[in-house]
Amino acid sequence: MEMWLWRRMTRIRWIERKRNETILEEIGETRSMWTLIMKRKIKLVGHLLRHNDFITNIFEGKIAGK
């Protein structure tokens, strides 16, 4: 969606066959939504590992024994 918005604002048509990277270089921006989504995913995994014993057991391979 982010690239679609940039293309609409700069009035670049799809038939011009410009790559997303070249458009971002022309504007002088980086992909901000992608990095934001990735940061939030990493934070969620960290939260789940700290607060959920079941997922911790799956990732670390710990099994409760005698």
N, C-alpha and C. Protein backbone atom coordinates (compact mmCIF):
# COMPACT_ATOMS: atom_id res chain seq x y z
N MET A 1 0.82 -1.19 0.00
CA MET A 1 0.00 0.00 0.00
C MET A 1 0.87 1.26 0.00
N GLU A 2 1.99 1.17 0.70
CA GLU A 2 2.85 2.35 0.79
C GLU A 2 3.34 2.78 -0.59
N MET A 3 3.78 1.82 -1.39
CA MET A 3 4.28 2.18 -2.72
C MET A 3 3.15 2.65 -3.63
N TRP A 4 1.96 2.11 -3.44
CA TRP A 4 0.82 2.56 -4.24
C TRP A 4 0.53 4.03 -3.94
N LEU A 5 0.61 4.41 -2.66
CA LEU A 5 0.39 5.81 -2.29
C LEU A 5 1.45 6.72 -2.88
N TRP A 6 2.73 6.29 -2.83
CA TRP A 6 3.79 7.11 -3.41
C TRP A 6 3.60 7.27 -4.91
N ARG A 7 3.22 6.21 -5.59
CA ARG A 7 2.99 6.30 -7.03
C ARG A 7 1.83 7.23 -7.36
N ARG A 8 0.78 7.20 -6.56
CA ARG A 8 -0.37 8.08 -6.81
C ARG A 8 0.01 9.54 -6.56
N MET A 9 0.78 9.81 -5.50
CA MET A 9 1.14 11.19 -5.19
C MET A 9 2.09 11.78 -6.22
N THR A 10 2.99 10.95 -6.76
CA THR A 10 3.93 11.46 -7.75
C THR A 10 3.43 11.30 -9.18
N ARG A 11 2.23 10.75 -9.34
CA ARG A 11 1.58 10.56 -10.65
C ARG A 11 2.43 9.74 -11.61
N ILE A 12 3.00 8.67 -11.08
CA ILE A 12 3.77 7.74 -11.91
C ILE A 12 2.85 6.60 -12.29
N ARG A 13 2.72 6.35 -13.57
CA ARG A 13 1.85 5.28 -14.04
C ARG A 13 2.57 3.94 -13.96
N TRP A 14 1.78 2.87 -13.90
CA TRP A 14 2.34 1.54 -13.85
C TRP A 14 2.97 1.15 -15.18
N ILE A 15 2.49 1.74 -16.27
CA ILE A 15 3.03 1.38 -17.58
C ILE A 15 4.42 1.98 -17.82
N GLU A 16 4.85 2.87 -16.94
CA GLU A 16 6.20 3.43 -17.06
C GLU A 16 7.27 2.42 -16.63
N ARG A 17 6.86 1.37 -15.94
CA ARG A 17 7.75 0.28 -15.53
C ARG A 17 8.94 0.75 -14.71
N LYS A 18 8.68 1.61 -13.74
CA LYS A 18 9.73 2.05 -12.83
C LYS A 18 9.73 1.14 -11.61
N ARG A 19 10.92 0.80 -11.14
CA ARG A 19 11.04 -0.04 -9.96
C ARG A 19 10.74 0.78 -8.71
N ASN A 20 10.30 0.09 -7.68
CA ASN A 20 9.98 0.76 -6.42
C ASN A 20 11.19 1.46 -5.82
N GLU A 21 12.35 0.83 -5.95
CA GLU A 21 13.57 1.41 -5.39
C GLU A 21 13.91 2.74 -6.07
N THR A 22 13.72 2.83 -7.38
CA THR A 22 14.03 4.09 -8.08
C THR A 22 13.06 5.19 -7.67
N ILE A 23 11.82 4.84 -7.46
CA ILE A 23 10.84 5.84 -7.01
C ILE A 23 11.21 6.36 -5.63
N LEU A 24 11.59 5.45 -4.73
CA LEU A 24 11.98 5.88 -3.39
C LEU A 24 13.23 6.75 -3.42
N GLU A 25 14.16 6.45 -4.32
CA GLU A 25 15.37 7.28 -4.44
C GLU A 25 15.03 8.66 -4.96
N GLU A 26 14.11 8.75 -5.91
CA GLU A 26 13.71 10.06 -6.45
C GLU A 26 13.05 10.92 -5.38
N ILE A 27 12.24 10.29 -4.54
CA ILE A 27 11.54 11.03 -3.49
C ILE A 27 12.47 11.33 -2.32
N GLY A 28 13.41 10.44 -2.08
CA GLY A 28 14.32 10.62 -0.94
C GLY A 28 13.75 10.01 0.33
N GLU A 29 12.99 8.94 0.20
CA GLU A 29 12.36 8.29 1.35
C GLU A 29 12.82 6.85 1.45
N THR A 30 12.48 6.23 2.56
CA THR A 30 12.71 4.81 2.74
C THR A 30 11.37 4.15 3.05
N ARG A 31 11.36 2.84 3.04
CA ARG A 31 10.12 2.13 3.34
C ARG A 31 9.88 2.18 4.83
N SER A 32 9.01 3.04 5.26
CA SER A 32 8.78 3.21 6.69
C SER A 32 7.76 2.22 7.23
N MET A 33 6.75 1.91 6.46
CA MET A 33 5.72 0.99 6.95
C MET A 33 6.29 -0.41 7.12
N TRP A 34 7.16 -0.84 6.21
CA TRP A 34 7.74 -2.18 6.27
C TRP A 34 8.58 -2.34 7.54
N THR A 35 9.41 -1.35 7.82
CA THR A 35 10.25 -1.43 9.02
C THR A 35 9.40 -1.38 10.28
N LEU A 36 8.33 -0.60 10.27
CA LEU A 36 7.45 -0.51 11.43
C LEU A 36 6.76 -1.85 11.68
N ILE A 37 6.31 -2.51 10.64
CA ILE A 37 5.65 -3.81 10.79
C ILE A 37 6.63 -4.84 11.32
N MET A 38 7.85 -4.85 10.81
CA MET A 38 8.84 -5.82 11.26
C MET A 38 9.21 -5.59 12.73
N LYS A 39 9.35 -4.34 13.15
CA LYS A 39 9.65 -4.05 14.55
C LYS A 39 8.54 -4.54 15.47
N ARG A 40 7.29 -4.34 15.04
CA ARG A 40 6.17 -4.77 15.87
C ARG A 40 6.09 -6.29 15.95
N LYS A 41 6.41 -6.99 14.87
CA LYS A 41 6.42 -8.45 14.90
C LYS A 41 7.47 -8.97 15.87
N ILE A 42 8.65 -8.36 15.85
CA ILE A 42 9.72 -8.77 16.75
C ILE A 42 9.33 -8.53 18.21
N LYS A 43 8.70 -7.39 18.48
CA LYS A 43 8.25 -7.10 19.84
C LYS A 43 7.20 -8.10 20.30
N LEU A 44 6.31 -8.50 19.40
CA LEU A 44 5.26 -9.47 19.76
C LEU A 44 5.87 -10.82 20.12
N VAL A 45 6.85 -11.27 19.34
CA VAL A 45 7.50 -12.55 19.64
C VAL A 45 8.20 -12.47 20.98
N GLY A 46 8.86 -11.38 21.26
CA GLY A 46 9.52 -11.21 22.55
C GLY A 46 8.53 -11.23 23.70
N HIS A 47 7.40 -10.58 23.51
CA HIS A 47 6.36 -10.57 24.54
C HIS A 47 5.82 -11.98 24.77
N LEU A 48 5.56 -12.71 23.69
CA LEU A 48 5.03 -14.07 23.84
C LEU A 48 6.03 -14.99 24.52
N LEU A 49 7.31 -14.84 24.20
CA LEU A 49 8.32 -15.69 24.82
C LEU A 49 8.46 -15.40 26.31
N ARG A 50 8.28 -14.16 26.72
CA ARG A 50 8.41 -13.82 28.13
C ARG A 50 7.20 -14.25 28.96
N HIS A 51 6.01 -14.21 28.35
CA HIS A 51 4.80 -14.39 29.14
C HIS A 51 4.03 -15.67 28.85
N ASN A 52 4.50 -16.51 27.96
CA ASN A 52 3.75 -17.72 27.64
C ASN A 52 4.69 -18.91 27.74
N ASP A 53 4.47 -19.75 28.73
CA ASP A 53 5.35 -20.90 28.96
C ASP A 53 5.23 -21.94 27.86
N PHE A 54 4.05 -22.08 27.27
CA PHE A 54 3.86 -23.08 26.22
C PHE A 54 4.74 -22.76 25.00
N ILE A 55 4.74 -21.52 24.58
CA ILE A 55 5.56 -21.13 23.42
C ILE A 55 7.04 -21.21 23.77
N THR A 56 7.41 -20.86 24.99
CA THR A 56 8.79 -20.97 25.42
C THR A 56 9.26 -22.42 25.35
N ASN A 57 8.42 -23.34 25.78
CA ASN A 57 8.76 -24.76 25.72
C ASN A 57 8.93 -25.23 24.29
N ILE A 58 8.12 -24.73 23.40
CA ILE A 58 8.23 -25.12 21.99
C ILE A 58 9.54 -24.61 21.40
N PHE A 59 9.86 -23.35 21.63
CA PHE A 59 11.07 -22.76 21.05
C PHE A 59 12.35 -23.34 21.66
N GLU A 60 12.36 -23.53 22.97
CA GLU A 60 13.57 -23.97 23.66
C GLU A 60 13.64 -25.47 23.81
N GLY A 61 12.57 -26.19 23.57
CA GLY A 61 12.57 -27.62 23.66
C GLY A 61 12.56 -28.18 25.07
N LYS A 62 12.10 -27.41 26.03
CA LYS A 62 12.07 -27.86 27.42
C LYS A 62 10.80 -28.66 27.68
N ILE A 63 10.96 -29.75 28.37
CA ILE A 63 9.81 -30.57 28.75
C ILE A 63 9.90 -30.78 30.25
N ALA A 64 8.80 -30.55 30.92
CA ALA A 64 8.78 -30.71 32.38
C ALA A 64 8.92 -32.19 32.71
N GLY A 65 9.82 -32.49 33.60
CA GLY A 65 10.05 -33.88 34.00
C GLY A 65 10.00 -34.05 35.50
N LYS A 66 10.38 -35.24 35.94
CA LYS A 66 10.35 -35.53 37.36
C LYS A 66 11.61 -35.01 38.04
